[in-house]
Amino acid sequence: MYLSDETYRVILKAKIAINNWDGRNDSLPAILDAATAGSGLRMQIVDNQDMTISVWVFPDTDISDVIA
């Protein structure tokens, strides 16, 4: 799987921001929103309930576009 330069930049910005994150669940969405602003991507946070999280990256696509 290859990433475009723009997608790689967004993911890199998010990784840098997460590395500077204070660890609070309520502050992470703002970090991810800032990293993905205008990129056509969105990120979903998953609490793994074992003191870890996963961050899933998705294209910001309306489901009706996929089904139609």
N, C-alpha and C. Protein backbone atom coordinates (compact mmCIF):
# COMPACT_ATOMS: atom_id res chain seq x y z
N MET A 1 0.84 -1.18 0.00
CA MET A 1 0.00 0.00 0.00
C MET A 1 0.88 1.24 0.00
N TYR A 2 0.56 2.17 -0.87
CA TYR A 2 1.31 3.41 -0.97
C TYR A 2 0.43 4.57 -0.55
N LEU A 3 1.06 5.57 0.07
CA LEU A 3 0.35 6.77 0.47
C LEU A 3 0.79 7.92 -0.40
N SER A 4 -0.14 8.79 -0.71
CA SER A 4 0.24 10.01 -1.42
C SER A 4 1.04 10.89 -0.47
N ASP A 5 1.78 11.84 -1.03
CA ASP A 5 2.56 12.75 -0.19
C ASP A 5 1.65 13.50 0.78
N GLU A 6 0.49 13.94 0.29
CA GLU A 6 -0.44 14.70 1.14
C GLU A 6 -0.95 13.84 2.30
N THR A 7 -1.32 12.61 2.01
CA THR A 7 -1.80 11.71 3.07
C THR A 7 -0.69 11.43 4.07
N TYR A 8 0.50 11.19 3.57
CA TYR A 8 1.64 10.93 4.47
C TYR A 8 1.90 12.13 5.37
N ARG A 9 1.80 13.36 4.81
CA ARG A 9 1.99 14.57 5.62
C ARG A 9 0.97 14.64 6.75
N VAL A 10 -0.28 14.34 6.45
CA VAL A 10 -1.34 14.38 7.47
C VAL A 10 -1.04 13.37 8.58
N ILE A 11 -0.69 12.16 8.20
CA ILE A 11 -0.40 11.13 9.19
C ILE A 11 0.82 11.50 10.01
N LEU A 12 1.84 12.07 9.38
CA LEU A 12 3.03 12.49 10.10
C LEU A 12 2.71 13.60 11.10
N LYS A 13 1.89 14.58 10.69
CA LYS A 13 1.46 15.64 11.61
C LYS A 13 0.71 15.05 12.80
N ALA A 14 -0.17 14.11 12.54
CA ALA A 14 -0.93 13.48 13.62
C ALA A 14 0.00 12.73 14.56
N LYS A 15 0.97 12.02 14.02
CA LYS A 15 1.91 11.26 14.86
C LYS A 15 2.72 12.20 15.74
N ILE A 16 3.18 13.31 15.19
CA ILE A 16 3.92 14.30 15.98
C ILE A 16 3.03 14.85 17.09
N ALA A 17 1.80 15.20 16.75
CA ALA A 17 0.87 15.75 17.74
C ALA A 17 0.57 14.73 18.83
N ILE A 18 0.35 13.48 18.45
CA ILE A 18 0.06 12.44 19.44
C ILE A 18 1.25 12.22 20.36
N ASN A 19 2.47 12.33 19.83
CA ASN A 19 3.65 12.17 20.67
C ASN A 19 3.78 13.28 21.70
N ASN A 20 3.12 14.42 21.45
CA ASN A 20 3.13 15.53 22.40
C ASN A 20 1.82 15.64 23.17
N TRP A 21 0.98 14.66 23.05
CA TRP A 21 -0.34 14.63 23.67
C TRP A 21 -0.21 14.45 25.18
N ASP A 22 -1.12 15.04 25.94
CA ASP A 22 -1.09 14.96 27.40
C ASP A 22 -1.73 13.69 27.96
N GLY A 23 -2.25 12.83 27.10
CA GLY A 23 -2.79 11.55 27.54
C GLY A 23 -4.26 11.56 27.94
N ARG A 24 -4.90 12.72 27.90
CA ARG A 24 -6.31 12.78 28.28
C ARG A 24 -7.19 12.50 27.07
N ASN A 25 -8.20 11.66 27.26
CA ASN A 25 -9.10 11.31 26.16
C ASN A 25 -9.81 12.52 25.57
N ASP A 26 -10.16 13.48 26.41
CA ASP A 26 -10.92 14.62 25.91
C ASP A 26 -10.10 15.59 25.08
N SER A 27 -8.78 15.51 25.12
CA SER A 27 -7.96 16.44 24.33
C SER A 27 -7.51 15.85 22.99
N LEU A 28 -7.62 14.56 22.81
CA LEU A 28 -7.15 13.93 21.57
C LEU A 28 -7.98 14.28 20.33
N PRO A 29 -9.31 14.33 20.40
CA PRO A 29 -10.07 14.67 19.19
C PRO A 29 -9.66 16.00 18.56
N ALA A 30 -9.37 17.00 19.37
CA ALA A 30 -8.96 18.30 18.82
C ALA A 30 -7.63 18.19 18.09
N ILE A 31 -6.72 17.39 18.61
CA ILE A 31 -5.42 17.18 17.96
C ILE A 31 -5.62 16.52 16.60
N LEU A 32 -6.42 15.47 16.57
CA LEU A 32 -6.65 14.76 15.31
C LEU A 32 -7.42 15.61 14.31
N ASP A 33 -8.39 16.38 14.79
CA ASP A 33 -9.15 17.27 13.90
C ASP A 33 -8.22 18.30 13.26
N ALA A 34 -7.30 18.85 14.05
CA ALA A 34 -6.36 19.84 13.52
C ALA A 34 -5.43 19.20 12.49
N ALA A 35 -5.00 17.98 12.74
CA ALA A 35 -4.09 17.30 11.82
C ALA A 35 -4.76 16.95 10.50
N THR A 36 -6.05 16.67 10.53
CA THR A 36 -6.74 16.22 9.32
C THR A 36 -7.54 17.32 8.62
N ALA A 37 -7.55 18.51 9.16
CA ALA A 37 -8.35 19.60 8.59
C ALA A 37 -8.02 19.82 7.12
N GLY A 38 -9.05 19.76 6.28
CA GLY A 38 -8.90 20.00 4.86
C GLY A 38 -8.21 18.90 4.07
N SER A 39 -7.98 17.76 4.69
CA SER A 39 -7.22 16.69 4.04
C SER A 39 -8.09 15.67 3.32
N GLY A 40 -9.39 15.65 3.64
CA GLY A 40 -10.24 14.60 3.08
C GLY A 40 -10.14 13.31 3.86
N LEU A 41 -9.47 13.35 5.00
CA LEU A 41 -9.34 12.18 5.86
C LEU A 41 -9.99 12.47 7.20
N ARG A 42 -10.39 11.42 7.87
CA ARG A 42 -10.85 11.55 9.25
C ARG A 42 -10.23 10.42 10.05
N MET A 43 -10.13 10.62 11.33
CA MET A 43 -9.54 9.62 12.20
C MET A 43 -10.53 9.25 13.29
N GLN A 44 -10.55 7.99 13.64
CA GLN A 44 -11.43 7.47 14.69
C GLN A 44 -10.56 6.93 15.81
N ILE A 45 -10.88 7.31 17.03
CA ILE A 45 -10.13 6.85 18.20
C ILE A 45 -10.83 5.64 18.79
N VAL A 46 -10.07 4.58 19.04
CA VAL A 46 -10.60 3.37 19.66
C VAL A 46 -9.84 3.14 20.96
N ASP A 47 -10.56 3.14 22.08
CA ASP A 47 -9.97 2.82 23.38
C ASP A 47 -9.95 1.31 23.51
N ASN A 48 -8.77 0.73 23.56
CA ASN A 48 -8.63 -0.72 23.61
C ASN A 48 -8.85 -1.31 25.01
N GLN A 49 -9.17 -0.46 25.98
CA GLN A 49 -9.47 -0.88 27.35
C GLN A 49 -8.32 -1.61 28.02
N ASP A 50 -7.09 -1.37 27.53
CA ASP A 50 -5.91 -1.97 28.16
C ASP A 50 -4.80 -0.94 28.30
N MET A 51 -5.20 0.32 28.47
CA MET A 51 -4.29 1.46 28.59
C MET A 51 -3.64 1.82 27.26
N THR A 52 -4.22 1.37 26.15
CA THR A 52 -3.74 1.76 24.83
C THR A 52 -4.92 2.25 24.00
N ILE A 53 -4.60 2.97 22.95
CA ILE A 53 -5.61 3.39 21.99
C ILE A 53 -5.14 3.01 20.59
N SER A 54 -6.08 2.92 19.69
CA SER A 54 -5.78 2.77 18.26
C SER A 54 -6.40 3.97 17.56
N VAL A 55 -5.72 4.46 16.55
CA VAL A 55 -6.25 5.55 15.75
C VAL A 55 -6.41 5.03 14.33
N TRP A 56 -7.65 4.98 13.87
CA TRP A 56 -7.98 4.49 12.54
C TRP A 56 -8.12 5.67 11.60
N VAL A 57 -7.58 5.56 10.41
CA VAL A 57 -7.64 6.63 9.41
C VAL A 57 -8.56 6.19 8.28
N PHE A 58 -9.52 7.04 7.95
CA PHE A 58 -10.51 6.75 6.91
C PHE A 58 -10.62 7.93 5.95
N PRO A 59 -10.97 7.66 4.69
CA PRO A 59 -11.31 8.78 3.81
C PRO A 59 -12.61 9.41 4.30
N ASP A 60 -12.69 10.70 4.22
CA ASP A 60 -13.89 11.42 4.66
C ASP A 60 -14.92 11.35 3.54
N THR A 61 -15.57 10.18 3.43
CA THR A 61 -16.52 9.91 2.35
C THR A 61 -17.91 9.73 2.92
N ASP A 62 -18.87 10.35 2.27
CA ASP A 62 -20.26 10.16 2.65
C ASP A 62 -20.68 8.76 2.20
N ILE A 63 -21.28 8.00 3.08
CA ILE A 63 -21.67 6.61 2.78
C ILE A 63 -22.61 6.55 1.58
N SER A 64 -23.40 7.58 1.37
CA SER A 64 -24.32 7.57 0.22
C SER A 64 -23.54 7.62 -1.10
N ASP A 65 -22.33 8.17 -1.09
CA ASP A 65 -21.49 8.17 -2.30
C ASP A 65 -21.02 6.76 -2.64
N VAL A 66 -20.81 5.95 -1.63
CA VAL A 66 -20.31 4.59 -1.82
C VAL A 66 -21.43 3.67 -2.29
N ILE A 67 -22.62 3.84 -1.71
CA ILE A 67 -23.75 2.96 -2.01
C ILE A 67 -24.36 3.27 -3.37
N ALA A 68 -24.38 4.52 -3.75
CA ALA A 68 -25.06 4.94 -4.99
C ALA A 68 -24.47 4.38 -6.23
